[in-house]
Amino acid sequence: MNAKKPILGTKHLLSLRELSRMEILSLLDAAERMKKNPQLYKDVLSGKTLAMIFQKPSTRTRLSFEVGMLELGGRAIYLRGEELQLGRGEAIKDTALVMSRYVDAIMARVFRQEDLEELAKYSLVPVINGLSDKWHPCQILADLLTIREKLGGFEERKLAWVGDGNNVCNTLLIGCAKVGMDMVVASPRGYWPLKEALEEARKEAQVNGCEIKIVEEPIEAVKGADVVYTDTFVSMGLEAERGERLRIFLPKYRVTEELMKEAKRGAIFMHCLPAHRGEEVTDEVLDGPRSVVLDQAENRLHAQKALLYALLA
């Protein structure tokens, strides 16, 4: 049996900042092995239980973690936020300490990053960020896996982000910088990524020989890009801003076939889904030959399995 396990120097995954370049690459290597030979890993988490807390709706995060635990021989328990005593005012500290006595790990999809960090502070078992208002590390591990599969590597490659500097964008900046891939964000002023994400990404970029830039013009960002990536302009929890956001982002920041022509020949299109067709991307691009969104979604499963194996086995 060749069920090689990646070694992480962290107990929790809250933002992707915790992982070194080599740890990220190790997880990607493990995900590739597990995708290719899933039967080798079918019992590695036998007897392990993952609690999954969801304050926000989910399709890919829930399925990838639940199916992932099942395929590794463990089990997952789905917990809606309002069904827990958290929804009635129980302290996060008390919830963390109690849950730690029942399960082997906690995955939480929350509105506030601060709540996730408090959960991790008091938890005796690993805590995984399944999405927060600031970061989405599990998505970016799957994204990096997809990019490496499609393009063969990260060096001398460029990713163009078009749209809102949201939680996915924040984390992608960190991920690209750590693996040595250029990233240019095209976003209107006032909707740029977090300052802390930019600062850390630029530090990592200096070490790993790549470049991080912020611009306002989508064409400038996409020109010569190997990857064009977008996401919704109205993230969960920001629905009250929908009208104003669409007025600012449309039509300038919509990814169209015309915009994709500015990218390199052979460039791929990515979206973390769910997509709002006709808003941030046209059907022509989303369903077109350059789109890898379904492979990207599938890779959530393989990346999550590698992470669970590294933290729990």
C-alpha atoms as a PDB file:
ATOM      1  CA  MET A   1       0.000   0.000   0.000  1.00  0.00           C
ATOM      2  CA  ASN A   2       1.391   3.405  -1.017  1.00  0.00           C
ATOM      3  CA  ALA A   3      -0.943   5.757   0.874  1.00  0.00           C
ATOM      4  CA  LYS A   4       1.679   8.466   1.374  1.00  0.00           C
ATOM      5  CA  LYS A   5       0.500  11.136   3.797  1.00  0.00           C
ATOM      6  CA  PRO A   6       1.325  14.859   3.460  1.00  0.00           C
ATOM      7  CA  ILE A   7       2.799  16.387   6.600  1.00  0.00           C
ATOM      8  CA  LEU A   8       1.461  19.750   7.779  1.00  0.00           C
ATOM      9  CA  GLY A   9       2.980  21.966  10.450  1.00  0.00           C
ATOM     10  CA  THR A  10      -0.416  23.313  11.470  1.00  0.00           C
ATOM     11  CA  LYS A  11      -3.348  21.973  13.443  1.00  0.00           C
ATOM     12  CA  HIS A  12      -5.995  24.201  11.833  1.00  0.00           C
ATOM     13  CA  LEU A  13      -6.629  25.578   8.332  1.00  0.00           C
ATOM     14  CA  LEU A  14      -8.254  28.987   8.686  1.00  0.00           C
ATOM     15  CA  SER A  15      -6.931  31.094   5.796  1.00  0.00           C
ATOM     16  CA  LEU A  16      -4.126  29.363   3.797  1.00  0.00           C
ATOM     17  CA  ARG A  17      -1.597  31.684   5.414  1.00  0.00           C
ATOM     18  CA  GLU A  18      -0.746  28.838   7.800  1.00  0.00           C
ATOM     19  CA  LEU A  19       0.666  26.681   5.008  1.00  0.00           C
ATOM     20  CA  SER A  20       4.121  26.987   3.494  1.00  0.00           C
ATOM     21  CA  ARG A  21       4.822  26.629  -0.198  1.00  0.00           C
ATOM     22  CA  MET A  22       6.062  23.070   0.335  1.00  0.00           C
ATOM     23  CA  GLU A  23       3.012  22.125   2.407  1.00  0.00           C
ATOM     24  CA  ILE A  24       0.665  23.366  -0.330  1.00  0.00           C
ATOM     25  CA  LEU A  25       2.587  21.428  -2.980  1.00  0.00           C
ATOM     26  CA  SER A  26       2.564  18.363  -0.728  1.00  0.00           C
ATOM     27  CA  LEU A  27      -1.231  18.578  -0.431  1.00  0.00           C
ATOM     28  CA  LEU A  28      -1.564  18.939  -4.206  1.00  0.00           C
ATOM     29  CA  ASP A  29       0.680  15.907  -4.726  1.00  0.00           C
ATOM     30  CA  ALA A  30      -1.443  13.895  -2.290  1.00  0.00           C
ATOM     31  CA  ALA A  31      -4.669  15.039  -3.973  1.00  0.00           C
ATOM     32  CA  GLU A  32      -3.335  13.857  -7.341  1.00  0.00           C
ATOM     33  CA  ARG A  33      -2.401  10.451  -5.900  1.00  0.00           C
ATOM     34  CA  MET A  34      -5.778  10.081  -4.216  1.00  0.00           C
ATOM     35  CA  LYS A  35      -7.616  11.089  -7.379  1.00  0.00           C
ATOM     36  CA  LYS A  36      -5.660   8.550  -9.410  1.00  0.00           C
ATOM     37  CA  ASN A  37      -5.825   5.655  -6.923  1.00  0.00           C
ATOM     38  CA  PRO A  38      -8.718   6.239  -4.502  1.00  0.00           C
ATOM     39  CA  GLN A  39      -8.812   2.583  -3.463  1.00  0.00           C
ATOM     40  CA  LEU A  40      -5.463   2.951  -1.676  1.00  0.00           C
ATOM     41  CA  TYR A  41      -7.014   5.418   0.768  1.00  0.00           C
ATOM     42  CA  LYS A  42     -10.449   3.907   1.405  1.00  0.00           C
ATOM     43  CA  ASP A  43      -9.804   3.099   5.081  1.00  0.00           C
ATOM     44  CA  VAL A  44      -7.261   5.730   6.179  1.00  0.00           C
ATOM     45  CA  LEU A  45      -9.854   7.632   8.255  1.00  0.00           C
ATOM     46  CA  SER A  46     -11.756   4.611   9.532  1.00  0.00           C
ATOM     47  CA  GLY A  47     -13.458   5.483  12.811  1.00  0.00           C
ATOM     48  CA  LYS A  48     -12.963   9.247  12.356  1.00  0.00           C
ATOM     49  CA  THR A  49     -15.849  11.730  12.482  1.00  0.00           C
ATOM     50  CA  LEU A  50     -16.035  15.232  11.027  1.00  0.00           C
ATOM     51  CA  ALA A  51     -18.602  17.737  12.330  1.00  0.00           C
ATOM     52  CA  MET A  52     -19.693  20.194   9.631  1.00  0.00           C
ATOM     53  CA  ILE A  53     -21.232  23.488  10.800  1.00  0.00           C
ATOM     54  CA  PHE A  54     -23.064  25.488   8.122  1.00  0.00           C
ATOM     55  CA  GLN A  55     -24.264  29.026   8.813  1.00  0.00           C
ATOM     56  CA  LYS A  56     -24.476  29.603   5.035  1.00  0.00           C
ATOM     57  CA  PRO A  57     -25.916  27.474   2.202  1.00  0.00           C
ATOM     58  CA  SER A  58     -23.551  25.109   0.408  1.00  0.00           C
ATOM     59  CA  THR A  59     -23.382  22.664  -2.484  1.00  0.00           C
ATOM     60  CA  ARG A  60     -19.733  21.909  -3.302  1.00  0.00           C
ATOM     61  CA  THR A  61     -18.317  22.386   0.207  1.00  0.00           C
ATOM     62  CA  ARG A  62     -20.875  20.119   1.822  1.00  0.00           C
ATOM     63  CA  LEU A  63     -20.703  17.417  -0.831  1.00  0.00           C
ATOM     64  CA  SER A  64     -16.904  17.393  -1.094  1.00  0.00           C
ATOM     65  CA  PHE A  65     -16.390  17.043   2.654  1.00  0.00           C
ATOM     66  CA  GLU A  66     -19.210  14.563   3.214  1.00  0.00           C
ATOM     67  CA  VAL A  67     -18.313  12.351   0.255  1.00  0.00           C
ATOM     68  CA  GLY A  68     -14.625  12.778   1.022  1.00  0.00           C
ATOM     69  CA  MET A  69     -14.994  11.466   4.565  1.00  0.00           C
ATOM     70  CA  LEU A  70     -17.099   8.549   3.296  1.00  0.00           C
ATOM     71  CA  GLU A  71     -14.512   7.615   0.649  1.00  0.00           C
ATOM     72  CA  LEU A  72     -11.753   7.698   3.279  1.00  0.00           C
ATOM     73  CA  GLY A  73     -13.655   5.369   5.597  1.00  0.00           C
ATOM     74  CA  GLY A  74     -14.900   7.998   8.063  1.00  0.00           C
ATOM     75  CA  ARG A  75     -18.175   9.830   8.471  1.00  0.00           C
ATOM     76  CA  ALA A  76     -19.423  13.414   8.478  1.00  0.00           C
ATOM     77  CA  ILE A  77     -22.257  15.006  10.451  1.00  0.00           C
ATOM     78  CA  TYR A  78     -24.122  17.937   8.870  1.00  0.00           C
ATOM     79  CA  LEU A  79     -25.109  20.631  11.385  1.00  0.00           C
ATOM     80  CA  ARG A  80     -27.067  23.740  10.403  1.00  0.00           C
ATOM     81  CA  GLY A  81     -26.118  26.774  12.460  1.00  0.00           C
ATOM     82  CA  GLU A  82     -29.663  27.428  13.632  1.00  0.00           C
ATOM     83  CA  GLU A  83     -29.995  23.818  14.805  1.00  0.00           C
ATOM     84  CA  LEU A  84     -27.112  24.185  17.249  1.00  0.00           C
ATOM     85  CA  GLN A  85     -27.224  25.951  20.594  1.00  0.00           C
ATOM     86  CA  LEU A  86     -24.955  28.520  18.924  1.00  0.00           C
ATOM     87  CA  GLY A  87     -28.119  29.752  17.277  1.00  0.00           C
ATOM     88  CA  ARG A  88     -29.610  30.401  20.728  1.00  0.00           C
ATOM     89  CA  GLY A  89     -26.630  32.252  22.132  1.00  0.00           C
ATOM     90  CA  GLU A  90     -24.309  29.554  23.464  1.00  0.00           C
ATOM     91  CA  ALA A  91     -20.724  30.809  23.677  1.00  0.00           C
ATOM     92  CA  ILE A  92     -18.475  29.667  20.836  1.00  0.00           C
ATOM     93  CA  LYS A  93     -15.928  28.605  23.455  1.00  0.00           C
ATOM     94  CA  ASP A  94     -18.408  26.215  25.077  1.00  0.00           C
ATOM     95  CA  THR A  95     -19.480  24.790  21.727  1.00  0.00           C
ATOM     96  CA  ALA A  96     -15.842  24.206  20.720  1.00  0.00           C
ATOM     97  CA  LEU A  97     -14.934  22.469  23.951  1.00  0.00           C
ATOM     98  CA  VAL A  98     -17.980  20.199  23.890  1.00  0.00           C
ATOM     99  CA  MET A  99     -17.734  19.282  20.201  1.00  0.00           C
ATOM    100  CA  SER A 100     -14.057  18.429  20.674  1.00  0.00           C
ATOM    101  CA  ARG A 101     -15.110  15.594  22.969  1.00  0.00           C
ATOM    102  CA  TYR A 102     -17.388  14.066  20.343  1.00  0.00           C
ATOM    103  CA  VAL A 103     -15.600  14.418  16.993  1.00  0.00           C
ATOM    104  CA  ASP A 104     -12.137  14.291  15.452  1.00  0.00           C
ATOM    105  CA  ALA A 105     -12.369  17.540  13.472  1.00  0.00           C
ATOM    106  CA  ILE A 106     -14.695  20.470  12.817  1.00  0.00           C
ATOM    107  CA  MET A 107     -15.342  22.124   9.460  1.00  0.00           C
ATOM    108  CA  ALA A 108     -17.247  25.413   9.708  1.00  0.00           C
ATOM    109  CA  ARG A 109     -18.791  27.664   7.042  1.00  0.00           C
ATOM    110  CA  VAL A 110     -19.439  30.945   8.815  1.00  0.00           C
ATOM    111  CA  PHE A 111     -20.358  34.582   8.309  1.00  0.00           C
ATOM    112  CA  ARG A 112     -17.517  36.002  10.432  1.00  0.00           C
ATOM    113  CA  GLN A 113     -13.844  34.974  10.340  1.00  0.00           C
ATOM    114  CA  GLU A 114     -13.563  36.063  13.976  1.00  0.00           C
ATOM    115  CA  ASP A 115     -16.058  33.373  15.005  1.00  0.00           C
ATOM    116  CA  LEU A 116     -14.035  30.730  13.188  1.00  0.00           C
ATOM    117  CA  GLU A 117     -10.848  31.875  14.908  1.00  0.00           C
ATOM    118  CA  GLU A 118     -12.520  31.713  18.312  1.00  0.00           C
ATOM    119  CA  LEU A 119     -13.766  28.223  17.523  1.00  0.00           C
ATOM    120  CA  ALA A 120     -10.212  27.173  16.664  1.00  0.00           C
ATOM    121  CA  LYS A 121      -8.792  28.868  19.768  1.00  0.00           C
ATOM    122  CA  TYR A 122     -10.785  26.630  22.091  1.00  0.00           C
ATOM    123  CA  SER A 123     -11.138  23.490  19.979  1.00  0.00           C
ATOM    124  CA  LEU A 124      -9.062  20.494  20.964  1.00  0.00           C
ATOM    125  CA  VAL A 125      -9.376  19.065  17.429  1.00  0.00           C
ATOM    126  CA  PRO A 126      -8.534  20.513  13.979  1.00  0.00           C
ATOM    127  CA  VAL A 127     -10.790  23.277  12.654  1.00  0.00           C
ATOM    128  CA  ILE A 128     -11.137  23.825   8.894  1.00  0.00           C
ATOM    129  CA  ASN A 129     -12.473  26.970   7.266  1.00  0.00           C
ATOM    130  CA  GLY A 130     -15.206  25.919   4.844  1.00  0.00           C
ATOM    131  CA  LEU A 131     -15.703  29.606   3.916  1.00  0.00           C
ATOM    132  CA  SER A 132     -15.841  32.847   5.868  1.00  0.00           C
ATOM    133  CA  ASP A 133     -16.273  36.496   4.981  1.00  0.00           C
ATOM    134  CA  LYS A 134     -12.479  36.868   4.548  1.00  0.00           C
ATOM    135  CA  TRP A 135     -11.029  33.562   3.348  1.00  0.00           C
ATOM    136  CA  HIS A 136     -11.863  30.365   1.428  1.00  0.00           C
ATOM    137  CA  PRO A 137      -8.736  28.159   1.635  1.00  0.00           C
ATOM    138  CA  CYS A 138     -10.361  24.866   0.601  1.00  0.00           C
ATOM    139  CA  GLN A 139     -11.539  26.413  -2.666  1.00  0.00           C
ATOM    140  CA  ILE A 140      -8.072  27.679  -3.489  1.00  0.00           C
ATOM    141  CA  LEU A 141      -6.425  24.299  -2.857  1.00  0.00           C
ATOM    142  CA  ALA A 142      -8.804  22.853  -5.458  1.00  0.00           C
ATOM    143  CA  ASP A 143      -8.104  25.786  -7.795  1.00  0.00           C
ATOM    144  CA  LEU A 144      -4.352  25.272  -7.597  1.00  0.00           C
ATOM    145  CA  LEU A 145      -4.816  21.555  -8.220  1.00  0.00           C
ATOM    146  CA  THR A 146      -6.872  22.374 -11.326  1.00  0.00           C
ATOM    147  CA  ILE A 147      -4.365  24.914 -12.644  1.00  0.00           C
ATOM    148  CA  ARG A 148      -1.494  22.474 -12.251  1.00  0.00           C
ATOM    149  CA  GLU A 149      -3.478  19.739 -14.009  1.00  0.00           C
ATOM    150  CA  LYS A 150      -4.411  21.981 -16.940  1.00  0.00           C
ATOM    151  CA  LEU A 151      -1.246  24.046 -17.344  1.00  0.00           C
ATOM    152  CA  GLY A 152       1.437  21.737 -15.967  1.00  0.00           C
ATOM    153  CA  GLY A 153       2.732  24.112 -13.300  1.00  0.00           C
ATOM    154  CA  PHE A 154       2.753  27.622 -11.870  1.00  0.00           C
ATOM    155  CA  GLU A 155       6.049  29.249 -12.823  1.00  0.00           C
ATOM    156  CA  GLU A 156       5.857  31.908 -15.549  1.00  0.00           C
ATOM    157  CA  ARG A 157       2.085  31.633 -15.470  1.00  0.00           C
ATOM    158  CA  LYS A 158      -0.359  34.482 -14.901  1.00  0.00           C
ATOM    159  CA  LEU A 159      -3.822  34.458 -13.349  1.00  0.00           C
ATOM    160  CA  ALA A 160      -6.175  37.379 -13.983  1.00  0.00           C
ATOM    161  CA  TRP A 161      -8.970  37.955 -11.480  1.00  0.00           C
ATOM    162  CA  VAL A 162     -11.838  40.086 -12.780  1.00  0.00           C
ATOM    163  CA  GLY A 163     -14.440  41.426 -10.347  1.00  0.00           C
ATOM    164  CA  ASP A 164     -14.963  41.797  -6.620  1.00  0.00           C
ATOM    165  CA  GLY A 165     -11.965  41.446  -4.306  1.00  0.00           C
ATOM    166  CA  ASN A 166     -13.829  38.974  -2.107  1.00  0.00           C
ATOM    167  CA  ASN A 167     -12.898  36.042   0.149  1.00  0.00           C
ATOM    168  CA  VAL A 168     -11.948  33.820  -2.802  1.00  0.00           C
ATOM    169  CA  CYS A 169      -9.795  36.576  -4.300  1.00  0.00           C
ATOM    170  CA  ASN A 170      -8.101  37.241  -0.937  1.00  0.00           C
ATOM    171  CA  THR A 171      -7.121  33.604  -0.560  1.00  0.00           C
ATOM    172  CA  LEU A 172      -6.162  33.146  -4.194  1.00  0.00           C
ATOM    173  CA  LEU A 173      -3.670  36.004  -3.824  1.00  0.00           C
ATOM    174  CA  ILE A 174      -1.986  34.106  -0.992  1.00  0.00           C
ATOM    175  CA  GLY A 175      -2.109  30.802  -2.859  1.00  0.00           C
ATOM    176  CA  CYS A 176      -0.700  32.152  -6.130  1.00  0.00           C
ATOM    177  CA  ALA A 177       2.073  34.031  -4.351  1.00  0.00           C
ATOM    178  CA  LYS A 178       3.089  30.949  -2.354  1.00  0.00           C
ATOM    179  CA  VAL A 179       3.351  28.711  -5.424  1.00  0.00           C
ATOM    180  CA  GLY A 180       5.113  31.357  -7.530  1.00  0.00           C
ATOM    181  CA  MET A 181       2.342  32.332  -9.949  1.00  0.00           C
ATOM    182  CA  ASP A 182       1.711  35.919 -11.093  1.00  0.00           C
ATOM    183  CA  MET A 183      -1.714  37.313 -10.245  1.00  0.00           C
ATOM    184  CA  VAL A 184      -3.363  40.533 -11.427  1.00  0.00           C
ATOM    185  CA  VAL A 185      -6.646  41.684  -9.904  1.00  0.00           C
ATOM    186  CA  ALA A 186      -8.942  43.969 -11.918  1.00  0.00           C
ATOM    187  CA  SER A 187     -11.462  45.536  -9.562  1.00  0.00           C
ATOM    188  CA  PRO A 188     -13.055  48.960  -9.051  1.00  0.00           C
ATOM    189  CA  ARG A 189     -11.676  51.079  -6.225  1.00  0.00           C
ATOM    190  CA  GLY A 190     -13.521  50.397  -3.009  1.00  0.00           C
ATOM    191  CA  TYR A 191     -13.862  46.711  -3.906  1.00  0.00           C
ATOM    192  CA  TRP A 192     -10.216  45.689  -3.786  1.00  0.00           C
ATOM    193  CA  PRO A 193      -8.983  42.674  -1.785  1.00  0.00           C
ATOM    194  CA  LEU A 194      -8.150  42.943   1.910  1.00  0.00           C
ATOM    195  CA  LYS A 195      -5.050  44.981   2.718  1.00  0.00           C
ATOM    196  CA  GLU A 196      -3.671  42.112   4.813  1.00  0.00           C
ATOM    197  CA  ALA A 197      -4.105  39.710   1.883  1.00  0.00           C
ATOM    198  CA  LEU A 198      -2.267  42.040  -0.492  1.00  0.00           C
ATOM    199  CA  GLU A 199       0.558  42.715   1.942  1.00  0.00           C
ATOM    200  CA  GLU A 200       1.174  39.051   2.665  1.00  0.00           C
ATOM    201  CA  ALA A 201       0.855  38.062  -0.991  1.00  0.00           C
ATOM    202  CA  ARG A 202       3.447  40.646  -2.008  1.00  0.00           C
ATOM    203  CA  LYS A 203       5.865  39.397   0.651  1.00  0.00           C
ATOM    204  CA  GLU A 204       5.431  35.820  -0.549  1.00  0.00           C
ATOM    205  CA  ALA A 205       5.758  36.923  -4.173  1.00  0.00           C
ATOM    206  CA  GLN A 206       9.161  38.467  -3.492  1.00  0.00           C
ATOM    207  CA  VAL A 207      10.374  35.167  -2.035  1.00  0.00           C
ATOM    208  CA  ASN A 208       8.900  33.001  -4.780  1.00  0.00           C
ATOM    209  CA  GLY A 209       9.755  35.164  -7.798  1.00  0.00           C
ATOM    210  CA  CYS A 210       6.322  36.219  -8.977  1.00  0.00           C
ATOM    211  CA  GLU A 211       4.272  39.425  -9.184  1.00  0.00           C
ATOM    212  CA  ILE A 212       1.060  40.641  -7.551  1.00  0.00           C
ATOM    213  CA  LYS A 213      -0.741  43.631  -9.077  1.00  0.00           C
ATOM    214  CA  ILE A 214      -4.014  45.516  -8.654  1.00  0.00           C
ATOM    215  CA  VAL A 215      -5.524  47.417 -11.590  1.00  0.00           C
ATOM    216  CA  GLU A 216      -8.922  48.824 -12.481  1.00  0.00           C
ATOM    217  CA  GLU A 217      -9.104  47.833 -16.156  1.00  0.00           C
ATOM    218  CA  PRO A 218     -10.128  44.215 -16.934  1.00  0.00           C
ATOM    219  CA  ILE A 219      -8.380  44.257 -20.326  1.00  0.00           C
ATOM    220  CA  GLU A 220      -5.102  45.242 -18.656  1.00  0.00           C
ATOM    221  CA  ALA A 221      -5.396  42.317 -16.233  1.00  0.00           C
ATOM    222  CA  VAL A 222      -6.466  39.693 -18.761  1.00  0.00           C
ATOM    223  CA  LYS A 223      -3.914  40.575 -21.460  1.00  0.00           C
ATOM    224  CA  GLY A 224      -1.516  37.631 -21.738  1.00  0.00           C
ATOM    225  CA  ALA A 225      -3.144  35.681 -18.893  1.00  0.00           C
ATOM    226  CA  ASP A 226      -3.055  31.885 -18.677  1.00  0.00           C
ATOM    227  CA  VAL A 227      -6.064  31.805 -16.347  1.00  0.00           C
ATOM    228  CA  VAL A 228      -9.068  34.133 -16.204  1.00  0.00           C
ATOM    229  CA  TYR A 229     -11.049  33.824 -12.980  1.00  0.00           C
ATOM    230  CA  THR A 230     -14.202  35.539 -11.761  1.00  0.00           C
ATOM    231  CA  ASP A 231     -16.841  35.133  -9.044  1.00  0.00           C
ATOM    232  CA  THR A 232     -20.177  36.641  -8.109  1.00  0.00           C
ATOM    233  CA  PHE A 233     -20.301  40.385  -7.551  1.00  0.00           C
ATOM    234  CA  VAL A 234     -22.704  39.867  -4.615  1.00  0.00           C
ATOM    235  CA  SER A 235     -21.355  37.413  -2.042  1.00  0.00           C
ATOM    236  CA  MET A 236     -23.531  35.733   0.574  1.00  0.00           C
ATOM    237  CA  GLY A 237     -24.449  38.215   3.284  1.00  0.00           C
ATOM    238  CA  LEU A 238     -24.184  41.223   0.941  1.00  0.00           C
ATOM    239  CA  GLU A 239     -27.582  40.906  -0.721  1.00  0.00           C
ATOM    240  CA  ALA A 240     -28.638  44.361   0.500  1.00  0.00           C
ATOM    241  CA  GLU A 241     -25.851  45.829  -1.681  1.00  0.00           C
ATOM    242  CA  ARG A 242     -26.928  43.987  -4.825  1.00  0.00           C
ATOM    243  CA  GLY A 243     -28.326  46.944  -6.755  1.00  0.00           C
ATOM    244  CA  GLU A 244     -25.360  49.198  -6.053  1.00  0.00           C
ATOM    245  CA  ARG A 245     -22.825  46.470  -6.792  1.00  0.00           C
ATOM    246  CA  LEU A 246     -24.365  45.537 -10.124  1.00  0.00           C
ATOM    247  CA  ARG A 247     -24.428  49.212 -11.109  1.00  0.00           C
ATOM    248  CA  ILE A 248     -20.682  49.488 -10.395  1.00  0.00           C
ATOM    249  CA  PHE A 249     -19.523  46.163 -11.848  1.00  0.00           C
ATOM    250  CA  LEU A 250     -21.714  45.873 -14.943  1.00  0.00           C
ATOM    251  CA  PRO A 251     -21.038  45.672 -17.766  1.00  0.00           C
ATOM    252  CA  LYS A 252     -17.344  46.537 -17.426  1.00  0.00           C
ATOM    253  CA  TYR A 253     -16.284  43.579 -15.254  1.00  0.00           C
ATOM    254  CA  ARG A 254     -18.331  40.864 -16.959  1.00  0.00           C
ATOM    255  CA  VAL A 255     -16.164  38.125 -18.502  1.00  0.00           C
ATOM    256  CA  THR A 256     -17.168  37.799 -22.151  1.00  0.00           C
ATOM    257  CA  GLU A 257     -15.728  36.121 -25.236  1.00  0.00           C
ATOM    258  CA  GLU A 258     -14.309  39.495 -26.261  1.00  0.00           C
ATOM    259  CA  LEU A 259     -12.459  39.805 -22.947  1.00  0.00           C
ATOM    260  CA  MET A 260     -11.204  36.217 -23.155  1.00  0.00           C
ATOM    261  CA  LYS A 261      -9.602  37.050 -26.529  1.00  0.00           C
ATOM    262  CA  GLU A 262      -7.125  39.250 -24.599  1.00  0.00           C
ATOM    263  CA  ALA A 263      -5.815  36.191 -22.739  1.00  0.00           C
ATOM    264  CA  LYS A 264      -3.206  33.804 -24.102  1.00  0.00           C
ATOM    265  CA  ARG A 265      -4.185  31.240 -26.671  1.00  0.00           C
ATOM    266  CA  GLY A 266      -5.068  28.151 -24.661  1.00  0.00           C
ATOM    267  CA  ALA A 267      -5.970  30.143 -21.540  1.00  0.00           C
ATOM    268  CA  ILE A 268      -8.553  28.586 -19.229  1.00  0.00           C
ATOM    269  CA  PHE A 269     -11.588  30.136 -17.550  1.00  0.00           C
ATOM    270  CA  MET A 270     -12.323  29.448 -13.875  1.00  0.00           C
ATOM    271  CA  HIS A 271     -15.222  30.193 -11.527  1.00  0.00           C
ATOM    272  CA  CYS A 272     -15.719  28.776  -8.032  1.00  0.00           C
ATOM    273  CA  LEU A 273     -19.509  28.513  -8.569  1.00  0.00           C
ATOM    274  CA  PRO A 274     -22.372  29.128  -8.126  1.00  0.00           C
ATOM    275  CA  ALA A 275     -22.338  31.414 -11.165  1.00  0.00           C
ATOM    276  CA  HIS A 276     -24.852  34.146 -11.841  1.00  0.00           C
ATOM    277  CA  ARG A 277     -25.128  33.663 -15.583  1.00  0.00           C
ATOM    278  CA  GLY A 278     -25.217  36.907 -17.501  1.00  0.00           C
ATOM    279  CA  GLU A 279     -23.829  38.926 -14.597  1.00  0.00           C
ATOM    280  CA  GLU A 280     -20.148  38.192 -13.909  1.00  0.00           C
ATOM    281  CA  VAL A 281     -19.843  35.809 -16.884  1.00  0.00           C
ATOM    282  CA  THR A 282     -21.725  35.055 -20.081  1.00  0.00           C
ATOM    283  CA  ASP A 283     -23.116  31.607 -20.902  1.00  0.00           C
ATOM    284  CA  GLU A 284     -20.827  31.550 -23.936  1.00  0.00           C
ATOM    285  CA  VAL A 285     -17.738  31.633 -21.703  1.00  0.00           C
ATOM    286  CA  LEU A 286     -19.052  29.534 -18.829  1.00  0.00           C
ATOM    287  CA  ASP A 287     -20.156  26.716 -21.149  1.00  0.00           C
ATOM    288  CA  GLY A 288     -17.381  27.223 -23.687  1.00  0.00           C
ATOM    289  CA  PRO A 289     -14.294  25.137 -24.514  1.00  0.00           C
ATOM    290  CA  ARG A 290     -11.976  27.205 -22.309  1.00  0.00           C
ATOM    291  CA  SER A 291     -14.101  26.695 -19.205  1.00  0.00           C
ATOM    292  CA  VAL A 292     -12.761  24.216 -16.614  1.00  0.00           C
ATOM    293  CA  VAL A 293     -15.347  24.989 -13.939  1.00  0.00           C
ATOM    294  CA  LEU A 294     -16.642  21.407 -13.686  1.00  0.00           C
ATOM    295  CA  ASP A 295     -13.136  19.968 -13.283  1.00  0.00           C
ATOM    296  CA  GLN A 296     -12.499  22.716 -10.753  1.00  0.00           C
ATOM    297  CA  ALA A 297     -15.637  21.742  -8.825  1.00  0.00           C
ATOM    298  CA  GLU A 298     -14.707  18.046  -8.909  1.00  0.00           C
ATOM    299  CA  ASN A 299     -11.264  18.853  -7.540  1.00  0.00           C
ATOM    300  CA  ARG A 300     -12.853  20.210  -4.378  1.00  0.00           C
ATOM    301  CA  LEU A 301     -13.378  16.540  -3.473  1.00  0.00           C
ATOM    302  CA  HIS A 302      -9.789  15.474  -4.105  1.00  0.00           C
ATOM    303  CA  ALA A 303      -8.225  18.515  -2.428  1.00  0.00           C
ATOM    304  CA  GLN A 304     -10.496  18.114   0.599  1.00  0.00           C
ATOM    305  CA  LYS A 305      -9.595  14.436   0.895  1.00  0.00           C
ATOM    306  CA  ALA A 306      -5.895  15.295   0.918  1.00  0.00           C
ATOM    307  CA  LEU A 307      -6.460  17.928   3.601  1.00  0.00           C
ATOM    308  CA  LEU A 308      -8.569  15.614   5.772  1.00  0.00           C
ATOM    309  CA  TYR A 309      -5.966  12.862   5.443  1.00  0.00           C
ATOM    310  CA  ALA A 310      -3.162  15.249   6.423  1.00  0.00           C
ATOM    311  CA  LEU A 311      -5.001  16.601   9.477  1.00  0.00           C
ATOM    312  CA  LEU A 312      -6.722  13.451  10.761  1.00  0.00           C
ATOM    313  CA  ALA A 313      -4.812  10.300   9.798  1.00  0.00           C
END
